Every structure is written in C-alpha cells, then in structure tokens.
Amino acid sequence: MKEEFKVKGEELITKIKELIHEGNVRRIIIKDEEGKTFIEIPVTIGIIGALVVPILAAVGAIAVMAAKFTVEVVRSEEKM
C-alpha cells in the first residue's frame, strides 16, 4: 500500500519522524516538486535506534534545497 503527502521544506523532518514512529511503514521516498527522488529510506525495526539521527540529518540537508516535497510512504499490509 502506498500513500503520498505534500509537505513544505520546514515540515519535512517532522513528517519523517512521525512516519518512522508509526511502525507499519516499510519505505519512505522523498521527492522534489518535479518528481525527482532525493532519498529512499528503508524503515525496519532496527532503524529506530542509532540510525535515526543520521537519517534525519540527511533529511534536514535535503529540506533546505527545495520548498515543497512529496513524501511517498510504502506501508506493510496489515493482517485482518
């Protein structure tokens, strides 16, 4: 299942933090206004620890490059 969110540069880090902590997200893809992919972040249980800080630093660096982004989220299928 995929979702897309439109966010402004200053909202990007906050949105990524929210998505990482949701738990059912498998991959986060950050794209610019033209659809060019800046970064793909595979999200697993192990990423919650020490890897979050460098990833957020990279996202912060990307956020200053453009005003608007599309965040594409690939979620795990929930069992019913």
PDB file of N, CA and C in Angstrom:
ATOM      1  N   MET A   1       0.845  -1.170   0.000  1.00  0.00           N
ATOM      2  CA  MET A   1       0.000   0.000   0.000  1.00  0.00           C
ATOM      3  C   MET A   1       0.894   1.237   0.000  1.00  0.00           C
ATOM      4  N   LYS A   2       0.566   2.215  -0.847  1.00  0.00           N
ATOM      5  CA  LYS A   2       1.335   3.453  -0.947  1.00  0.00           C
ATOM      6  C   LYS A   2       0.454   4.654  -0.633  1.00  0.00           C
ATOM      7  N   GLU A   3       1.081   5.651  -0.020  1.00  0.00           N
ATOM      8  CA  GLU A   3       0.432   6.935   0.245  1.00  0.00           C
ATOM      9  C   GLU A   3       1.397   8.032  -0.149  1.00  0.00           C
ATOM     10  N   GLU A   4       0.873   9.199  -0.473  1.00  0.00           N
ATOM     11  CA  GLU A   4       1.717  10.358  -0.756  1.00  0.00           C
ATOM     12  C   GLU A   4       1.236  11.544   0.059  1.00  0.00           C
ATOM     13  N   PHE A   5       2.207  12.304   0.558  1.00  0.00           N
ATOM     14  CA  PHE A   5       1.928  13.513   1.315  1.00  0.00           C
ATOM     15  C   PHE A   5       2.701  14.654   0.673  1.00  0.00           C
ATOM     16  N   LYS A   6       2.081  15.807   0.556  1.00  0.00           N
ATOM     17  CA  LYS A   6       2.759  17.017   0.094  1.00  0.00           C
ATOM     18  C   LYS A   6       3.128  17.811   1.341  1.00  0.00           C
ATOM     19  N   VAL A   7       4.406  18.153   1.485  1.00  0.00           N
ATOM     20  CA  VAL A   7       4.861  18.918   2.650  1.00  0.00           C
ATOM     21  C   VAL A   7       5.799  20.025   2.203  1.00  0.00           C
ATOM     22  N   LYS A   8       5.874  21.065   3.020  1.00  0.00           N
ATOM     23  CA  LYS A   8       6.832  22.144   2.800  1.00  0.00           C
ATOM     24  C   LYS A   8       8.157  21.744   3.424  1.00  0.00           C
ATOM     25  N   GLY A   9       9.227  22.386   3.002  1.00  0.00           N
ATOM     26  CA  GLY A   9      10.563  22.066   3.487  1.00  0.00           C
ATOM     27  C   GLY A   9      10.683  22.039   4.993  1.00  0.00           C
ATOM     28  N   GLU A  10      10.096  23.025   5.674  1.00  0.00           N
ATOM     29  CA  GLU A  10      10.219  23.101   7.130  1.00  0.00           C
ATOM     30  C   GLU A  10       9.406  22.021   7.845  1.00  0.00           C
ATOM     31  N   GLU A  11       8.444  21.396   7.154  1.00  0.00           N
ATOM     32  CA  GLU A  11       7.621  20.338   7.748  1.00  0.00           C
ATOM     33  C   GLU A  11       8.189  18.941   7.497  1.00  0.00           C
ATOM     34  N   LEU A  12       9.212  18.851   6.657  1.00  0.00           N
ATOM     35  CA  LEU A  12       9.709  17.559   6.196  1.00  0.00           C
ATOM     36  C   LEU A  12      10.221  16.682   7.331  1.00  0.00           C
ATOM     37  N   ILE A  13      11.073  17.205   8.180  1.00  0.00           N
ATOM     38  CA  ILE A  13      11.648  16.396   9.259  1.00  0.00           C
ATOM     39  C   ILE A  13      10.567  15.918  10.218  1.00  0.00           C
ATOM     40  N   THR A  14       9.645  16.787  10.563  1.00  0.00           N
ATOM     41  CA  THR A  14       8.553  16.404  11.465  1.00  0.00           C
ATOM     42  C   THR A  14       7.747  15.251  10.878  1.00  0.00           C
ATOM     43  N   LYS A  15       7.425  15.334   9.596  1.00  0.00           N
ATOM     44  CA  LYS A  15       6.640  14.276   8.942  1.00  0.00           C
ATOM     45  C   LYS A  15       7.412  12.963   8.911  1.00  0.00           C
ATOM     46  N   ILE A  16       8.715  13.014   8.630  1.00  0.00           N
ATOM     47  CA  ILE A  16       9.524  11.792   8.586  1.00  0.00           C
ATOM     48  C   ILE A  16       9.578  11.148   9.962  1.00  0.00           C
ATOM     49  N   LYS A  17       9.750  11.948  11.017  1.00  0.00           N
ATOM     50  CA  LYS A  17       9.756  11.414  12.383  1.00  0.00           C
ATOM     51  C   LYS A  17       8.440  10.712  12.692  1.00  0.00           C
ATOM     52  N   GLU A  18       7.322  11.336  12.337  1.00  0.00           N
ATOM     53  CA  GLU A  18       6.006  10.743  12.575  1.00  0.00           C
ATOM     54  C   GLU A  18       5.878   9.398  11.874  1.00  0.00           C
ATOM     55  N   LEU A  19       6.303   9.351  10.618  1.00  0.00           N
ATOM     56  CA  LEU A  19       6.174   8.129   9.839  1.00  0.00           C
ATOM     57  C   LEU A  19       7.043   7.003  10.392  1.00  0.00           C
ATOM     58  N   ILE A  20       8.263   7.325  10.799  1.00  0.00           N
ATOM     59  CA  ILE A  20       9.164   6.309  11.342  1.00  0.00           C
ATOM     60  C   ILE A  20       8.566   5.689  12.602  1.00  0.00           C
ATOM     61  N   HIS A  21       7.937   6.498  13.418  1.00  0.00           N
ATOM     62  CA  HIS A  21       7.396   6.008  14.689  1.00  0.00           C
ATOM     63  C   HIS A  21       6.051   5.291  14.553  1.00  0.00           C
ATOM     64  N   GLU A  22       5.433   5.336  13.382  1.00  0.00           N
ATOM     65  CA  GLU A  22       4.157   4.652  13.198  1.00  0.00           C
ATOM     66  C   GLU A  22       4.284   3.135  13.248  1.00  0.00           C
ATOM     67  N   GLY A  23       5.391   2.608  12.772  1.00  0.00           N
ATOM     68  CA  GLY A  23       5.626   1.173  12.896  1.00  0.00           C
ATOM     69  C   GLY A  23       5.237   0.319  11.704  1.00  0.00           C
ATOM     70  N   ASN A  24       4.258   0.704  10.903  1.00  0.00           N
ATOM     71  CA  ASN A  24       3.869  -0.120   9.763  1.00  0.00           C
ATOM     72  C   ASN A  24       4.409   0.419   8.435  1.00  0.00           C
ATOM     73  N   VAL A  25       5.391   1.300   8.500  1.00  0.00           N
ATOM     74  CA  VAL A  25       5.998   1.885   7.305  1.00  0.00           C
ATOM     75  C   VAL A  25       7.218   1.058   6.911  1.00  0.00           C
ATOM     76  N   ARG A  26       7.290   0.640   5.652  1.00  0.00           N
ATOM     77  CA  ARG A  26       8.420  -0.149   5.166  1.00  0.00           C
ATOM     78  C   ARG A  26       9.460   0.702   4.446  1.00  0.00           C
ATOM     79  N   ARG A  27       9.023   1.752   3.753  1.00  0.00           N
ATOM     80  CA  ARG A  27       9.942   2.573   2.966  1.00  0.00           C
ATOM     81  C   ARG A  27       9.374   3.980   2.851  1.00  0.00           C
ATOM     82  N   ILE A  28      10.270   4.976   2.938  1.00  0.00           N
ATOM     83  CA  ILE A  28       9.890   6.370   2.755  1.00  0.00           C
ATOM     84  C   ILE A  28      10.724   6.919   1.606  1.00  0.00           C
ATOM     85  N   ILE A  29      10.057   7.530   0.643  1.00  0.00           N
ATOM     86  CA  ILE A  29      10.732   8.096  -0.529  1.00  0.00           C
ATOM     87  C   ILE A  29      10.431   9.592  -0.554  1.00  0.00           C
ATOM     88  N   ILE A  30      11.486  10.403  -0.589  1.00  0.00           N
ATOM     89  CA  ILE A  30      11.329  11.857  -0.617  1.00  0.00           C
ATOM     90  C   ILE A  30      11.646  12.350  -2.026  1.00  0.00           C
ATOM     91  N   LYS A  31      10.675  13.069  -2.608  1.00  0.00           N
ATOM     92  CA  LYS A  31      10.812  13.580  -3.978  1.00  0.00           C
ATOM     93  C   LYS A  31      10.623  15.092  -3.990  1.00  0.00           C
ATOM     94  N   ASP A  32      11.229  15.748  -4.980  1.00  0.00           N
ATOM     95  CA  ASP A  32      11.033  17.193  -5.127  1.00  0.00           C
ATOM     96  C   ASP A  32       9.764  17.463  -5.927  1.00  0.00           C
ATOM     97  N   GLU A  33       9.516  18.735  -6.218  1.00  0.00           N
ATOM     98  CA  GLU A  33       8.300  19.143  -6.939  1.00  0.00           C
ATOM     99  C   GLU A  33       8.200  18.523  -8.330  1.00  0.00           C
ATOM    100  N   GLU A  34       9.340  18.210  -8.930  1.00  0.00           N
ATOM    101  CA  GLU A  34       9.364  17.652 -10.279  1.00  0.00           C
ATOM    102  C   GLU A  34       9.292  16.129 -10.286  1.00  0.00           C
ATOM    103  N   GLY A  35       9.245  15.508  -9.102  1.00  0.00           N
ATOM    104  CA  GLY A  35       9.176  14.057  -9.008  1.00  0.00           C
ATOM    105  C   GLY A  35      10.514  13.366  -8.927  1.00  0.00           C
ATOM    106  N   LYS A  36      11.598  14.149  -8.854  1.00  0.00           N
ATOM    107  CA  LYS A  36      12.944  13.574  -8.753  1.00  0.00           C
ATOM    108  C   LYS A  36      13.157  13.046  -7.329  1.00  0.00           C
ATOM    109  N   THR A  37      13.593  11.796  -7.219  1.00  0.00           N
ATOM    110  CA  THR A  37      13.818  11.184  -5.918  1.00  0.00           C
ATOM    111  C   THR A  37      15.128  11.691  -5.316  1.00  0.00           C
ATOM    112  N   PHE A  38      15.033  12.232  -4.086  1.00  0.00           N
ATOM    113  CA  PHE A  38      16.217  12.670  -3.358  1.00  0.00           C
ATOM    114  C   PHE A  38      16.799  11.538  -2.520  1.00  0.00           C
ATOM    115  N   ILE A  39      15.930  10.836  -1.787  1.00  0.00           N
ATOM    116  CA  ILE A  39      16.404   9.788  -0.893  1.00  0.00           C
ATOM    117  C   ILE A  39      15.293   8.761  -0.687  1.00  0.00           C
ATOM    118  N   GLU A  40      15.702   7.489  -0.575  1.00  0.00           N
ATOM    119  CA  GLU A  40      14.797   6.412  -0.212  1.00  0.00           C
ATOM    120  C   GLU A  40      15.288   5.864   1.110  1.00  0.00           C
ATOM    121  N   ILE A  41      14.389   5.783   2.077  1.00  0.00           N
ATOM    122  CA  ILE A  41      14.757   5.328   3.409  1.00  0.00           C
ATOM    123  C   ILE A  41      14.030   4.019   3.693  1.00  0.00           C
ATOM    124  N   PRO A  42      14.790   2.905   3.784  1.00  0.00           N
ATOM    125  CA  PRO A  42      14.130   1.660   4.199  1.00  0.00           C
ATOM    126  C   PRO A  42      13.908   1.724   5.709  1.00  0.00           C
ATOM    127  N   VAL A  43      12.697   1.469   6.143  1.00  0.00           N
ATOM    128  CA  VAL A  43      12.370   1.573   7.560  1.00  0.00           C
ATOM    129  C   VAL A  43      12.100   0.167   8.094  1.00  0.00           C
ATOM    130  N   THR A  44      12.912  -0.229   9.057  1.00  0.00           N
ATOM    131  CA  THR A  44      12.723  -1.515   9.714  1.00  0.00           C
ATOM    132  C   THR A  44      12.761  -1.286  11.214  1.00  0.00           C
ATOM    133  N   ILE A  45      12.483  -2.310  11.980  1.00  0.00           N
ATOM    134  CA  ILE A  45      12.518  -2.199  13.432  1.00  0.00           C
ATOM    135  C   ILE A  45      13.883  -1.710  13.900  1.00  0.00           C
ATOM    136  N   GLY A  46      14.958  -2.152  13.278  1.00  0.00           N
ATOM    137  CA  GLY A  46      16.312  -1.781  13.685  1.00  0.00           C
ATOM    138  C   GLY A  46      16.655  -0.325  13.444  1.00  0.00           C
ATOM    139  N   ILE A  47      15.926   0.359  12.589  1.00  0.00           N
ATOM    140  CA  ILE A  47      16.248   1.754  12.285  1.00  0.00           C
ATOM    141  C   ILE A  47      15.873   2.689  13.429  1.00  0.00           C
ATOM    142  N   ILE A  48      15.017   2.244  14.309  1.00  0.00           N
ATOM    143  CA  ILE A  48      14.540   3.105  15.390  1.00  0.00           C
ATOM    144  C   ILE A  48      15.694   3.571  16.270  1.00  0.00           C
ATOM    145  N   GLY A  49      16.727   2.795  16.372  1.00  0.00           N
ATOM    146  CA  GLY A  49      17.846   3.118  17.255  1.00  0.00           C
ATOM    147  C   GLY A  49      18.787   4.157  16.698  1.00  0.00           C
ATOM    148  N   ALA A  50      20.052   3.798  16.575  1.00  0.00           N
ATOM    149  CA  ALA A  50      21.129   4.723  16.255  1.00  0.00           C
ATOM    150  C   ALA A  50      21.065   5.296  14.843  1.00  0.00           C
ATOM    151  N   LEU A  51      20.352   4.672  13.934  1.00  0.00           N
ATOM    152  CA  LEU A  51      20.335   5.152  12.552  1.00  0.00           C
ATOM    153  C   LEU A  51      19.396   6.322  12.312  1.00  0.00           C
ATOM    154  N   VAL A  52      18.501   6.608  13.225  1.00  0.00           N
ATOM    155  CA  VAL A  52      17.533   7.686  13.025  1.00  0.00           C
ATOM    156  C   VAL A  52      18.218   9.046  12.931  1.00  0.00           C
ATOM    157  N   VAL A  53      19.190   9.304  13.781  1.00  0.00           N
ATOM    158  CA  VAL A  53      19.845  10.614  13.806  1.00  0.00           C
ATOM    159  C   VAL A  53      20.534  10.952  12.481  1.00  0.00           C
ATOM    160  N   PRO A  54      21.367  10.060  11.915  1.00  0.00           N
ATOM    161  CA  PRO A  54      21.976  10.413  10.619  1.00  0.00           C
ATOM    162  C   PRO A  54      20.960  10.558   9.494  1.00  0.00           C
ATOM    163  N   ILE A  55      19.905   9.763   9.541  1.00  0.00           N
ATOM    164  CA  ILE A  55      18.871   9.870   8.509  1.00  0.00           C
ATOM    165  C   ILE A  55      18.173  11.216   8.604  1.00  0.00           C
ATOM    166  N   LEU A  56      17.838  11.646   9.813  1.00  0.00           N
ATOM    167  CA  LEU A  56      17.184  12.946   9.982  1.00  0.00           C
ATOM    168  C   LEU A  56      18.110  14.093   9.610  1.00  0.00           C
ATOM    169  N   ALA A  57      19.414  13.937   9.829  1.00  0.00           N
ATOM    170  CA  ALA A  57      20.375  14.961   9.410  1.00  0.00           C
ATOM    171  C   ALA A  57      20.387  15.075   7.886  1.00  0.00           C
ATOM    172  N   ALA A  58      20.346  13.938   7.202  1.00  0.00           N
ATOM    173  CA  ALA A  58      20.301  13.949   5.739  1.00  0.00           C
ATOM    174  C   ALA A  58      19.004  14.575   5.239  1.00  0.00           C
ATOM    175  N   VAL A  59      17.902  14.246   5.883  1.00  0.00           N
ATOM    176  CA  VAL A  59      16.607  14.827   5.509  1.00  0.00           C
ATOM    177  C   VAL A  59      16.621  16.334   5.732  1.00  0.00           C
ATOM    178  N   GLY A  60      17.231  16.783   6.821  1.00  0.00           N
ATOM    179  CA  GLY A  60      17.339  18.214   7.094  1.00  0.00           C
ATOM    180  C   GLY A  60      18.136  18.935   6.022  1.00  0.00           C
ATOM    181  N   ALA A  61      19.210  18.304   5.554  1.00  0.00           N
ATOM    182  CA  ALA A  61      20.016  18.901   4.484  1.00  0.00           C
ATOM    183  C   ALA A  61      19.216  18.991   3.191  1.00  0.00           C
ATOM    184  N   ILE A  62      18.404  17.998   2.927  1.00  0.00           N
ATOM    185  CA  ILE A  62      17.566  18.000   1.729  1.00  0.00           C
ATOM    186  C   ILE A  62      16.490  19.082   1.828  1.00  0.00           C
ATOM    187  N   ALA A  63      15.958  19.277   3.036  1.00  0.00           N
ATOM    188  CA  ALA A  63      14.849  20.221   3.233  1.00  0.00           C
ATOM    189  C   ALA A  63      15.210  21.646   2.841  1.00  0.00           C
ATOM    190  N   VAL A  64      16.475  22.024   2.944  1.00  0.00           N
ATOM    191  CA  VAL A  64      16.861  23.385   2.579  1.00  0.00           C
ATOM    192  C   VAL A  64      17.019  23.557   1.067  1.00  0.00           C
ATOM    193  N   MET A  65      16.984  22.457   0.323  1.00  0.00           N
ATOM    194  CA  MET A  65      17.208  22.518  -1.117  1.00  0.00           C
ATOM    195  C   MET A  65      15.966  22.903  -1.914  1.00  0.00           C
ATOM    196  N   ALA A  66      14.789  22.661  -1.381  1.00  0.00           N
ATOM    197  CA  ALA A  66      13.558  22.954  -2.124  1.00  0.00           C
ATOM    198  C   ALA A  66      12.462  23.362  -1.157  1.00  0.00           C
ATOM    199  N   ALA A  67      11.444  23.994  -1.676  1.00  0.00           N
ATOM    200  CA  ALA A  67      10.360  24.494  -0.839  1.00  0.00           C
ATOM    201  C   ALA A  67       9.263  23.460  -0.615  1.00  0.00           C
ATOM    202  N   LYS A  68       9.021  22.612  -1.599  1.00  0.00           N
ATOM    203  CA  LYS A  68       7.929  21.651  -1.497  1.00  0.00           C
ATOM    204  C   LYS A  68       8.430  20.254  -1.844  1.00  0.00           C
ATOM    205  N   PHE A  69       7.900  19.267  -1.120  1.00  0.00           N
ATOM    206  CA  PHE A  69       8.290  17.884  -1.334  1.00  0.00           C
ATOM    207  C   PHE A  69       7.070  16.990  -1.384  1.00  0.00           C
ATOM    208  N   THR A  70       7.256  15.842  -2.001  1.00  0.00           N
ATOM    209  CA  THR A  70       6.283  14.763  -1.932  1.00  0.00           C
ATOM    210  C   THR A  70       6.956  13.651  -1.148  1.00  0.00           C
ATOM    211  N   VAL A  71       6.278  13.180  -0.111  1.00  0.00           N
ATOM    212  CA  VAL A  71       6.769  12.065   0.675  1.00  0.00           C
ATOM    213  C   VAL A  71       5.897  10.872   0.323  1.00  0.00           C
ATOM    214  N   GLU A  72       6.507   9.875  -0.311  1.00  0.00           N
ATOM    215  CA  GLU A  72       5.792   8.663  -0.672  1.00  0.00           C
ATOM    216  C   GLU A  72       6.079   7.614   0.391  1.00  0.00           C
ATOM    217  N   VAL A  73       5.037   6.994   0.897  1.00  0.00           N
ATOM    218  CA  VAL A  73       5.160   6.039   2.003  1.00  0.00           C
ATOM    219  C   VAL A  73       4.669   4.676   1.526  1.00  0.00           C
ATOM    220  N   VAL A  74       5.517   3.661   1.684  1.00  0.00           N
ATOM    221  CA  VAL A  74       5.125   2.289   1.389  1.00  0.00           C
ATOM    222  C   VAL A  74       4.880   1.619   2.732  1.00  0.00           C
ATOM    223  N   ARG A  75       3.657   1.164   2.941  1.00  0.00           N
ATOM    224  CA  ARG A  75       3.287   0.559   4.225  1.00  0.00           C
ATOM    225  C   ARG A  75       3.175  -0.961   4.103  1.00  0.00           C
ATOM    226  N   SER A  76       3.383  -1.611   5.234  1.00  0.00           N
ATOM    227  CA  SER A  76       3.150  -3.055   5.311  1.00  0.00           C
ATOM    228  C   SER A  76       1.648  -3.283   5.259  1.00  0.00           C
ATOM    229  N   GLU A  77       1.270  -4.382   4.659  1.00  0.00           N
ATOM    230  CA  GLU A  77      -0.151  -4.719   4.658  1.00  0.00           C
ATOM    231  C   GLU A  77      -0.514  -5.236   6.030  1.00  0.00           C
ATOM    232  N   GLU A  78      -1.551  -4.669   6.603  1.00  0.00           N
ATOM    233  CA  GLU A  78      -1.977  -5.079   7.918  1.00  0.00           C
ATOM    234  C   GLU A  78      -2.792  -6.357   7.824  1.00  0.00           C
ATOM    235  N   LYS A  79      -2.564  -7.259   8.775  1.00  0.00           N
ATOM    236  CA  LYS A  79      -3.314  -8.511   8.809  1.00  0.00           C
ATOM    237  C   LYS A  79      -4.683  -8.258   9.414  1.00  0.00           C
ATOM    238  N   MET A  80      -5.694  -8.861   8.830  1.00  0.00           N
ATOM    239  CA  MET A  80      -7.057  -8.673   9.331  1.00  0.00           C
ATOM    240  C   MET A  80      -7.478  -9.865  10.145  1.00  0.00           C
TER     241      MET A  80
END
